[in-house]
Protein backbone atom coordinates (compact mmCIF):
# COMPACT_ATOMS: atom_id res chain seq x y z
CA MET A 1 105.07 81.74 34.51
CA LYS A 2 106.80 80.24 37.54
CA ALA A 3 105.98 81.74 40.93
CA ARG A 4 108.77 83.40 42.89
CA PRO A 5 109.34 82.73 46.60
CA LEU A 6 108.36 85.30 49.23
CA ILE A 7 111.94 86.32 50.05
CA ALA A 8 114.24 85.50 47.21
CA LEU A 9 117.79 86.79 47.09
CA PRO A 10 118.59 88.73 43.95
CA PRO A 11 121.55 87.85 41.74
CA LEU A 12 124.99 88.64 43.05
CA ARG A 13 125.42 91.53 40.65
CA SER A 14 122.53 93.33 42.37
CA GLY A 15 123.28 92.16 45.91
CA TYR A 16 124.46 95.61 46.86
CA ARG A 17 120.81 96.58 46.98
CA LEU A 18 120.37 94.62 50.22
CA LEU A 19 123.33 96.21 51.98
CA PRO A 20 121.17 98.74 53.88
CA LEU A 21 118.90 95.90 54.99
CA LEU A 22 121.75 93.72 56.21
CA ALA A 23 123.34 96.66 58.01
CA ALA A 24 120.06 97.37 59.77
CA LEU A 25 119.80 93.77 60.93
CA GLY A 26 123.40 93.91 62.17
CA LEU A 27 122.75 97.03 64.20
CA ALA A 28 119.52 95.76 65.77
CA GLY A 29 119.40 96.10 69.51
CA CYS A 30 121.96 98.92 69.75
CA ALA A 31 120.56 101.16 72.51
CA VAL A 32 121.58 104.79 72.17
CA GLY A 33 120.10 106.21 75.40
CA PRO A 34 122.33 107.32 78.29
CA LYS A 35 122.99 104.91 81.14
CA LEU A 36 121.41 106.71 84.06
CA PRO A 37 122.39 105.67 87.60
CA ALA A 38 119.87 104.10 89.99
CA PRO A 39 118.52 106.53 92.60
CA THR A 40 120.11 106.46 96.04
CA ALA A 41 118.97 107.65 99.44
CA PRO A 42 120.60 107.84 102.88
CA LEU A 43 120.29 104.59 104.80
CA PRO A 44 120.63 105.12 108.57
CA ALA A 45 121.41 102.35 111.00
CA ARG A 46 118.33 103.25 113.09
CA TYR A 47 115.31 105.50 112.83
CA ASN A 48 115.58 107.68 115.94
CA GLN A 49 118.52 109.71 117.17
CA HIS A 50 118.04 108.07 120.55
CA ALA A 51 117.04 104.45 120.35
CA VAL A 52 113.50 103.59 121.42
CA ASN A 53 113.63 101.51 124.58
CA GLY A 54 111.07 98.76 124.17
CA ALA A 55 112.43 96.39 126.78
CA GLN A 56 110.62 97.94 129.76
CA GLN A 57 107.28 98.44 128.02
CA THR A 58 104.22 96.21 127.92
CA GLN A 59 104.79 96.02 124.18
CA HIS A 60 108.11 94.62 122.96
CA LEU A 61 109.76 95.55 119.67
CA GLN A 62 111.06 92.69 117.57
CA TRP A 63 113.38 93.86 114.79
CA THR A 64 113.25 91.85 111.59
CA GLU A 65 114.43 92.01 107.99
CA GLY A 66 111.63 89.82 106.65
CA GLN A 67 108.73 90.85 104.47
CA ALA A 68 105.45 91.49 106.24
CA GLN A 69 101.77 90.67 105.82
CA SER A 70 98.42 90.76 107.62
CA TRP A 71 99.51 92.75 110.69
CA TRP A 72 95.90 93.19 111.81
CA HIS A 73 95.86 89.56 112.96
CA LEU A 74 98.08 90.68 115.85
CA PHE A 75 95.01 92.35 117.42
CA HIS A 76 93.44 88.88 117.79
CA SER A 77 89.99 90.10 116.74
CA PRO A 78 88.07 87.83 114.34
CA ALA A 79 85.59 90.67 113.77
CA LEU A 80 88.38 93.02 112.67
CA ASN A 81 89.80 90.35 110.36
CA ARG A 82 86.38 89.85 108.75
CA LEU A 83 85.89 93.58 108.24
CA ILE A 84 89.28 93.98 106.54
CA ALA A 85 88.57 90.96 104.34
CA THR A 86 85.23 92.49 103.34
CA ALA A 87 86.86 95.84 102.61
CA THR A 88 89.53 94.17 100.49
CA ALA A 89 86.85 92.47 98.42
CA HIS A 90 84.45 95.41 98.01
CA ASN A 91 86.34 98.69 98.39
CA PRO A 92 85.91 100.66 95.14
CA ASN A 93 89.24 102.47 95.39
CA LEU A 94 91.07 99.17 95.76
CA ALA A 95 89.10 97.76 92.82
CA ALA A 96 90.17 100.78 90.77
CA ALA A 97 93.81 100.13 91.70
CA GLN A 98 93.43 96.51 90.59
CA SER A 99 91.98 97.66 87.27
CA SER A 100 94.86 100.11 86.86
CA LEU A 101 97.32 97.26 87.35
CA ALA A 102 95.48 95.14 84.77
CA GLN A 103 95.59 98.07 82.33
CA ALA A 104 99.33 98.57 82.89
CA GLN A 105 99.98 94.87 82.34
CA ALA A 106 97.97 94.95 79.12
CA LEU A 107 99.99 97.93 77.88
CA GLU A 108 103.14 96.03 78.77
CA GLY A 109 101.92 93.27 76.46
CA VAL A 110 101.42 95.86 73.72
CA ALA A 111 104.98 97.09 74.16
CA ASP A 112 106.35 93.55 74.16
CA ALA A 113 104.56 92.82 70.89
CA GLY A 114 106.57 95.61 69.22
CA PHE A 115 109.55 93.25 68.91
CA LEU A 116 107.63 90.77 66.76
CA PRO A 117 106.94 90.98 63.03
CA ARG A 118 103.51 92.26 61.98
CA LEU A 119 101.57 89.99 59.64
CA GLY A 120 98.43 91.06 57.78
CA ALA A 121 96.25 89.78 54.97
CA ASN A 122 94.20 91.57 52.31
CA LEU A 123 91.56 90.07 50.05
CA GLY A 124 89.41 92.00 47.58
CA ALA A 125 87.27 91.59 44.50
CA GLY A 126 85.93 94.25 42.14
CA ARG A 127 83.98 94.61 38.94
CA GLN A 128 84.79 97.59 36.72
CA ARG A 129 84.97 98.92 33.21
CA ALA A 130 87.73 101.11 31.81
CA LEU A 131 87.59 103.70 28.99
CA ARG A 132 89.38 103.16 25.72
CA ALA A 133 91.01 106.01 23.88
CA GLY A 134 89.76 107.14 20.45
CA THR A 135 91.62 107.12 17.12
CA ASN A 136 93.38 110.41 17.76
CA GLY A 137 95.40 109.05 20.76
CA GLY A 138 92.93 109.79 23.47
CA PHE A 139 92.33 113.49 22.78
CA GLY A 140 89.04 112.86 21.11
CA THR A 141 86.12 110.80 22.24
CA ARG A 142 86.58 107.94 24.69
CA VAL A 143 84.90 104.65 23.94
CA PRO A 144 83.73 102.54 26.91
CA GLY A 145 85.67 99.33 27.24
CA ASN A 146 84.50 95.86 28.21
CA PRO A 147 83.73 95.21 31.90
CA TYR A 148 86.08 92.89 33.76
CA THR A 149 86.58 91.40 37.26
CA LEU A 150 89.76 91.83 39.27
CA LEU A 151 90.59 89.52 42.19
CA LEU A 152 93.36 90.64 44.57
CA GLY A 153 94.86 88.90 47.61
CA SER A 154 98.08 89.40 49.52
CA VAL A 155 99.90 88.58 52.75
CA ASP A 156 102.02 91.46 54.10
CA ILE A 157 104.84 91.23 56.63
CA SER A 158 106.60 94.17 58.25
CA TYR A 159 109.32 94.20 60.88
CA ASN A 160 111.13 96.94 62.77
CA PRO A 161 114.58 95.68 63.83
CA ASP A 162 114.76 98.31 66.60
CA VAL A 163 118.20 99.37 65.47
CA PHE A 164 118.61 102.15 68.04
CA GLY A 165 116.73 100.49 70.91
CA ARG A 166 113.58 102.63 70.83
CA GLN A 167 111.23 99.68 71.26
CA GLY A 168 113.39 98.31 74.06
CA TYR A 169 113.04 101.56 75.98
CA ILE A 170 109.28 101.55 75.36
CA LEU A 171 109.10 98.06 76.88
CA LYS A 172 111.19 99.13 79.87
CA ASP A 173 108.85 102.06 80.40
CA ALA A 174 105.80 99.79 80.22
CA ARG A 175 107.31 97.32 82.69
CA ALA A 176 108.18 100.14 85.07
CA GLN A 177 104.63 101.50 84.82
CA SER A 178 103.35 98.02 85.70
CA ALA A 179 105.66 97.99 88.70
CA VAL A 180 104.29 101.40 89.74
CA ALA A 181 100.70 100.15 89.46
CA ARG A 182 101.57 97.00 91.40
CA ALA A 183 103.19 99.00 94.20
CA GLU A 184 100.28 101.45 94.29
CA LEU A 185 97.86 98.54 94.60
CA HIS A 186 99.96 97.23 97.47
CA GLN A 187 99.96 100.68 99.05
CA GLY A 188 96.20 100.82 98.68
CA GLN A 189 95.89 97.51 100.51
CA VAL A 190 98.11 98.79 103.31
CA PHE A 191 96.20 102.05 103.64
CA LEU A 192 92.86 100.23 103.50
CA GLY A 193 93.87 97.88 106.31
CA GLY A 194 95.06 100.83 108.38
CA ALA A 195 91.94 102.89 107.66
CA VAL A 196 89.59 100.04 108.60
CA THR A 197 91.54 99.36 111.77
CA GLN A 198 91.54 103.04 112.69
CA ALA A 199 87.78 103.33 112.08
CA VAL A 200 87.09 100.21 114.16
CA ILE A 201 89.26 101.41 117.05
CA THR A 202 87.77 104.91 116.90
CA ALA A 203 84.23 103.54 116.91
CA ALA A 204 85.03 101.15 119.76
CA SER A 205 86.66 103.94 121.78
CA ALA A 206 83.71 106.29 121.19
CA HIS A 207 81.27 103.53 122.14
CA ALA A 208 83.19 102.83 125.35
CA GLN A 209 83.24 106.53 126.18
CA VAL A 210 79.48 106.78 125.49
CA ARG A 211 78.79 103.98 127.93
CA LEU A 212 81.08 105.57 130.48
CA ALA A 213 79.52 109.01 129.99
CA GLN A 214 76.04 107.54 130.33
CA ALA A 215 77.01 105.81 133.57
CA MET A 216 78.55 109.03 134.89
CA ALA A 217 75.47 111.03 133.91
CA LYS A 218 73.30 108.51 135.72
CA ASP A 219 75.45 108.74 138.87
CA ASP A 220 75.41 112.54 138.69
CA ALA A 221 71.64 112.55 138.31
CA GLN A 222 71.26 110.25 141.31
CA LEU A 223 73.56 112.45 143.38
CA LEU A 224 71.57 115.50 142.27
CA THR A 225 68.38 113.84 143.47
CA LEU A 226 70.04 113.07 146.80
CA ILE A 227 71.19 116.65 147.28
CA GLN A 228 67.79 118.04 146.25
CA ASN A 229 66.13 115.85 148.90
CA GLU A 230 68.63 117.07 151.48
CA TYR A 231 67.90 120.66 150.44
CA ARG A 232 64.19 120.12 151.00
CA LEU A 233 64.99 118.81 154.45
CA GLY A 234 67.20 121.83 155.16
CA ALA A 235 70.46 119.87 155.18
CA GLN A 236 71.88 121.55 152.04
CA ASN A 237 71.88 125.04 150.61
CA LEU A 238 70.75 126.15 147.15
CA GLN A 239 74.33 126.73 145.94
CA THR A 240 75.17 123.08 146.43
CA VAL A 241 72.08 122.06 144.46
CA ASP A 242 73.00 124.38 141.60
CA GLU A 243 76.59 123.15 141.50
CA GLN A 244 75.53 119.52 141.33
CA GLN A 245 72.91 120.30 138.70
CA ALA A 246 75.63 121.98 136.60
CA VAL A 247 77.77 118.85 136.94
CA ALA A 248 74.83 116.62 135.95
CA GLU A 249 74.00 118.76 132.91
CA ALA A 250 77.65 118.84 131.82
CA ALA A 251 77.83 115.04 132.10
CA ALA A 252 74.70 114.70 129.95
CA ALA A 253 76.12 117.16 127.40
CA ARG A 254 79.18 114.97 126.87
CA ILE A 255 77.08 112.11 125.48
CA PRO A 256 75.83 113.50 122.10
CA PRO A 257 79.28 114.44 120.73
CA LEU A 258 80.58 110.99 121.59
CA GLN A 259 77.59 109.38 119.90
CA ALA A 260 78.22 111.55 116.85
CA ALA A 261 81.88 110.48 116.81
CA GLU A 262 80.86 106.83 116.96
CA SER A 263 78.41 107.35 114.09
CA ALA A 264 81.06 109.14 112.02
CA ALA A 265 83.49 106.24 112.53
CA ARG A 266 80.77 103.78 111.49
CA HIS A 267 79.97 105.85 108.40
CA GLN A 268 83.65 105.96 107.48
CA LEU A 269 83.92 102.22 107.93
CA ALA A 270 80.84 101.65 105.76
CA ALA A 271 82.43 103.65 102.94
CA LEU A 272 85.64 101.63 103.27
CA LEU A 273 83.59 98.44 103.06
CA GLY A 274 81.96 99.65 99.86
CA THR A 275 78.48 100.06 101.32
CA VAL A 276 76.14 102.88 102.41
CA PRO A 277 76.17 104.47 105.90
CA ALA A 278 72.74 102.97 106.70
CA ALA A 279 74.06 99.40 106.34
CA PRO A 280 74.18 97.47 109.65
CA LEU A 281 77.69 96.75 110.88
CA SER A 282 78.84 94.40 113.60
CA LEU A 283 81.88 95.99 115.23
CA PRO A 284 84.11 94.64 118.00
CA SER A 285 84.20 96.41 121.33
CA LEU A 286 87.34 97.87 122.83
CA GLU A 287 87.56 94.85 125.14
CA GLU A 288 87.53 92.51 122.13
CA LEU A 289 90.63 94.17 120.66
CA HIS A 290 93.87 92.96 122.19
CA LEU A 291 97.00 95.06 122.11
CA PRO A 292 99.85 93.35 120.22
CA ALA A 293 102.34 92.40 122.91
CA VAL A 294 105.12 91.85 120.34
CA ILE A 295 105.59 94.38 117.53
CA PRO A 296 107.79 93.13 114.67
CA THR A 297 109.62 96.17 113.29
CA LEU A 298 111.51 96.40 110.01
CA VAL A 299 115.10 97.59 110.06
CA PRO A 300 115.74 100.64 107.80
CA SER A 301 117.31 98.62 104.99
CA ALA A 302 114.31 96.26 104.86
CA LEU A 303 111.91 99.21 104.97
CA VAL A 304 113.37 100.59 101.73
CA GLU A 305 112.78 97.23 100.06
CA ASN A 306 109.31 96.50 101.44
CA ARG A 307 107.44 99.79 101.78
CA PRO A 308 105.21 100.08 98.70
CA ASP A 309 105.39 103.86 98.23
CA ILE A 310 109.20 103.56 98.09
CA GLN A 311 108.84 100.73 95.57
CA ALA A 312 106.51 102.90 93.49
CA ALA A 313 108.89 105.87 93.64
CA HIS A 314 111.79 103.66 92.54
CA ALA A 315 109.75 102.25 89.65
CA LYS A 316 108.88 105.78 88.56
CA THR A 317 112.57 106.60 88.27
CA GLU A 318 113.02 103.52 86.06
CA ALA A 319 110.11 104.62 83.88
CA ALA A 320 111.58 108.12 83.61
CA ALA A 321 114.97 106.68 82.62
CA ALA A 322 113.30 104.59 79.92
CA GLN A 323 111.50 107.70 78.64
CA VAL A 324 114.89 109.42 78.30
CA GLY A 325 115.99 106.48 76.17
CA VAL A 326 112.90 106.80 73.97
CA ALA A 327 113.51 110.52 73.53
CA THR A 328 117.12 109.82 72.59
CA ALA A 329 116.21 107.07 70.11
CA ASN A 330 113.74 109.44 68.43
CA LEU A 331 116.75 111.49 67.30
CA TYR A 332 117.89 108.58 65.13
CA PRO A 333 116.42 107.06 61.96
CA ASN A 334 113.59 104.56 62.04
CA ILE A 335 114.02 101.50 59.83
CA ASP A 336 111.27 99.15 58.60
CA ILE A 337 111.57 95.94 56.59
CA THR A 338 108.57 94.88 54.53
CA ALA A 339 107.65 91.91 52.39
CA SER A 340 104.49 90.99 50.48
CA LEU A 341 103.23 87.90 48.67
CA GLY A 342 99.97 88.04 46.74
CA LYS A 343 97.77 87.14 43.81
CA ALA A 344 96.11 89.22 41.09
CA ALA A 345 93.79 87.62 38.52
CA MET A 346 90.71 88.34 36.46
CA THR A 347 89.08 84.94 37.02
CA ALA A 348 88.85 82.56 39.95
CA GLY A 349 90.70 79.90 38.01
CA MET A 350 93.60 82.18 37.24
CA PHE A 351 93.74 83.38 40.88
CA PHE A 352 95.25 80.07 41.96
CA ASN A 353 97.54 79.84 38.95
CA PRO A 354 101.24 80.41 39.74
CA ALA A 355 101.38 82.87 36.87
CA SER A 356 99.25 85.36 38.89
CA THR A 357 101.68 85.48 41.83
CA LEU A 358 103.06 88.85 42.93
CA TRP A 359 105.78 89.48 45.49
CA ALA A 360 107.79 92.36 46.86
CA ILE A 361 110.49 92.94 49.45
CA GLY A 362 112.04 96.15 50.64
CA SER A 363 113.14 98.39 53.44
CA SER A 364 112.53 102.01 54.36
CA LEU A 365 114.38 104.53 56.45
CA ALA A 366 112.78 107.61 57.97
CA ALA A 367 115.13 110.07 59.65
CA PRO A 368 114.40 113.42 61.30
CA ILE A 369 116.33 116.25 59.65
CA TYR A 370 114.96 119.47 61.04
CA GLU A 371 112.10 119.91 63.49
CA GLY A 372 113.00 123.22 65.04
CA GLY A 373 114.87 121.63 67.97
CA ALA A 374 111.73 119.91 69.26
CA LEU A 375 113.33 116.46 69.59
CA HIS A 376 116.30 117.77 71.58
CA ALA A 377 113.92 119.77 73.78
CA LYS A 378 111.90 116.62 74.41
CA LYS A 379 115.08 114.81 75.42
CA ARG A 380 115.99 117.61 77.85
CA ALA A 381 112.46 117.52 79.25
CA ALA A 382 112.75 113.76 79.75
CA MET A 383 116.07 114.22 81.57
CA ASP A 384 114.52 116.88 83.81
CA HIS A 385 111.59 114.56 84.53
CA TRP A 386 114.06 111.82 85.51
CA ARG A 387 115.77 114.23 87.92
CA VAL A 388 112.36 115.08 89.41
CA THR A 389 111.59 111.40 90.01
CA THR A 390 114.98 110.74 91.62
CA ASP A 391 114.55 113.73 93.96
CA ARG A 392 111.06 112.56 94.84
CA TYR A 393 112.41 109.07 95.49
CA ARG A 394 114.85 110.44 98.05
CA ALA A 395 112.07 112.55 99.58
CA THR A 396 109.85 109.46 99.82
CA VAL A 397 112.56 107.48 101.59
CA LEU A 398 113.28 110.28 104.04
CA ASN A 399 109.57 110.75 104.74
CA ALA A 400 109.23 107.01 105.36
CA PHE A 401 112.04 107.13 107.92
CA ARG A 402 110.36 110.12 109.58
CA GLU A 403 106.98 108.39 109.77
CA VAL A 404 108.48 105.25 111.28
CA ALA A 405 110.54 107.27 113.78
CA ASP A 406 107.43 109.21 114.82
CA ALA A 407 105.39 106.02 115.08
CA LEU A 408 108.03 104.27 117.20
CA ARG A 409 108.20 107.19 119.59
CA ALA A 410 104.39 107.43 119.68
CA VAL A 411 104.07 103.74 120.58
CA GLN A 412 106.53 104.17 123.43
CA SER A 413 104.80 107.36 124.61
CA ALA A 414 101.32 105.85 124.38
CA ASP A 415 102.41 102.83 126.41
CA THR A 416 103.81 105.02 129.18
CA ALA A 417 100.84 107.39 129.08
CA TYR A 418 98.34 104.55 129.35
CA THR A 419 100.16 103.06 132.33
CA HIS A 420 99.91 106.36 134.20
CA SER A 421 96.36 107.09 133.01
CA LYS A 422 95.15 103.69 134.14
CA ALA A 423 96.76 104.13 137.57
CA ALA A 424 95.32 107.65 137.85
CA ALA A 425 91.83 106.43 136.96
CA GLN A 426 91.98 103.65 139.54
CA ALA A 427 93.22 106.02 142.24
CA ALA A 428 90.62 108.68 141.35
CA ALA A 429 87.78 106.13 141.37
CA SER A 430 88.89 104.87 144.79
CA ALA A 431 89.14 108.44 146.09
CA TYR A 432 85.65 109.25 144.81
CA GLN A 433 84.09 106.21 146.42
CA LEU A 434 85.80 107.07 149.68
CA ALA A 435 84.68 110.72 149.47
CA LEU A 436 81.11 109.64 148.69
CA ALA A 437 81.01 107.34 151.70
CA ARG A 438 82.44 110.03 153.97
CA TYR A 439 80.01 112.61 152.56
CA ARG A 440 77.08 110.38 153.38
CA ASP A 441 78.48 110.00 156.91
CA GLY A 442 78.87 113.76 157.16
CA ALA A 443 82.65 113.59 157.50
CA VAL A 444 83.40 115.83 154.45
CA ASP A 445 81.57 118.72 152.79
CA TYR A 446 80.08 118.74 149.33
CA ALA A 447 83.01 120.63 147.78
CA THR A 448 85.33 117.75 148.62
CA LEU A 449 82.91 115.25 147.10
CA LEU A 450 82.43 117.37 143.97
CA ASN A 451 86.18 117.68 143.39
CA ALA A 452 86.66 113.92 143.80
CA GLU A 453 83.77 113.24 141.43
CA LEU A 454 85.10 115.51 138.67
CA GLU A 455 88.61 114.06 138.95
CA ALA A 456 87.27 110.50 138.77
CA GLN A 457 85.24 111.26 135.65
CA LYS A 458 88.09 113.03 133.93
CA ASP A 459 90.65 110.32 134.72
CA GLU A 460 88.35 107.48 133.69
CA ILE A 461 87.66 109.02 130.30
CA ALA A 462 91.38 109.75 129.87
CA ALA A 463 92.18 106.09 130.60
CA VAL A 464 89.76 104.91 127.89
CA GLN A 465 91.24 107.39 125.41
CA ALA A 466 94.79 106.37 126.31
CA ARG A 467 93.92 102.71 125.80
CA ALA A 468 92.46 103.41 122.37
CA GLN A 469 95.47 105.56 121.50
CA ARG A 470 97.76 102.61 122.13
CA TYR A 471 95.81 100.61 119.55
CA LEU A 472 95.85 103.49 117.08
CA ASP A 473 99.59 104.09 117.49
CA SER A 474 100.34 100.39 117.06
CA ALA A 475 98.30 100.29 113.84
CA ALA A 476 100.00 103.50 112.66
CA LEU A 477 103.40 101.88 113.18
CA PHE A 478 102.38 98.88 111.11
CA VAL A 479 101.14 101.15 108.32
CA ALA A 480 104.36 103.19 108.48
CA MET A 481 106.29 99.97 108.03
CA GLY A 482 104.39 99.54 104.79
CA ASP A 483 102.81 96.17 105.37
CA GLY A 484 101.82 93.59 107.94
CA TRP A 485 103.73 90.59 109.14
CA TRP A 486 104.19 86.96 108.25
CA GLN A 487 101.97 84.58 110.17
CA ASP A 488 104.48 83.66 112.86
CA PRO A 489 102.82 81.25 115.35
CA ALA A 490 105.13 82.52 118.10
CA ILE A 491 103.70 86.01 117.62
CA THR A 492 100.11 85.65 116.49
CA ARG A 493 98.89 82.96 118.88
CA PRO A 494 97.83 84.09 122.37
CA SER A 495 100.12 82.01 124.50
CA GLY A 496 102.67 82.51 127.25
CA PRO A 497 103.75 86.07 128.09
CA THR A 498 101.72 87.45 125.21
CA ALA A 499 98.46 86.19 126.67
CA SER A 500 99.32 87.50 130.14
CA ALA A 501 100.24 90.89 128.68
CA ARG A 502 96.89 91.11 126.96
CA SER A 503 94.94 90.09 129.99
CA SER A 504 96.63 92.77 132.08
CA GLU A 505 95.24 95.65 130.03
């Protein structure tokens, strides 16, 4: 018996049997889902109602449409750069985001494989014995037959031509989910850089305030000793001693909360670095952090393209649109084409004989007829989900504009506030030193000295806080922009006006 090929066309008189198959192949790739529009959001020409004036500030805004990276290098702190690099390598949340991206990419590969034919092989061998019927046609006794061996082997091929585009929508959904995971990983990197920078600045500010509070407490204690000696000599009264002791105790009481704040910032940083709070950390001081003199700032149109949460929101709308297509395609029939080529023999020698060859080819169609309206309800639910994602996309864009507008105004405000705080601290320190000298000469009373001392302490702490706030607001602006900035030598290297601006802090 001559073996037949795997896919052999039947005679012309029976060719009509392949018409459904040929029609399915002709319709392949016909997407039936609705063409949903891309989400849109308002795109203003600028962020604030009144433009932020950065020309008269120590920091200068530089508007750009370019993509951004590694903004923390603008603080010119090698220690900060090392900490962010360590956090990027060891932060568990960022590692989880990377694993999520790998999972989404693997599922994208699964969806892409749905367009290819599926090929499988089967091989089996069995030994069995059948029953033979008796003389009365099988209604009497059954006589055991002779045992025999059956060898079976086949290669099976199946293919779904994706007539109504269901698999295409599944692939679009998988690709959009990969884009979401990629944007969320990017967002995690941005947030991690901002969180590490914030923790470093907060710890440095608290450490500077601790040192300042300790120095103030020491000066207050020395002044208390001086006044107590004068009281013993009859030159001061008990009220003055009590007032100065209250000032000294208040100065000492300010130290523990600041130390606790520094420890909390270190503990937060340790968690971001993927280690325990007890791990030793080498942090830069406030003096080792330099304020970025030039702040590259994305224009609104570039922000929509570069900010990762906006990218993720846009990708979610694409995934939702693809899910609408899947729900629509589920309303239509599903067509499969199958083919099989195999062998069936009772001996090994006959297994490779062409006479034992078996083959089959066919197609199947499965169509939903009645499911109680479930498929149409699923399509409506998918459409509603798409509307939710588009509304959330617009909300994300508007929130991004708000955050950038707030950050721009905060940077301008912090710059002005620090200028005045620094001048106030210098004037208050000079006034205190003058009052102390005049008090020792007997030219002013203790009340004048005490008032000058309290003002100097308050203004000096406010100046340190204002300086740290400038760093925090600058970092917040970079995070609001969604990324850092390209390594521009004109910006990142401390030269020219930039270096003089940093040295004048």
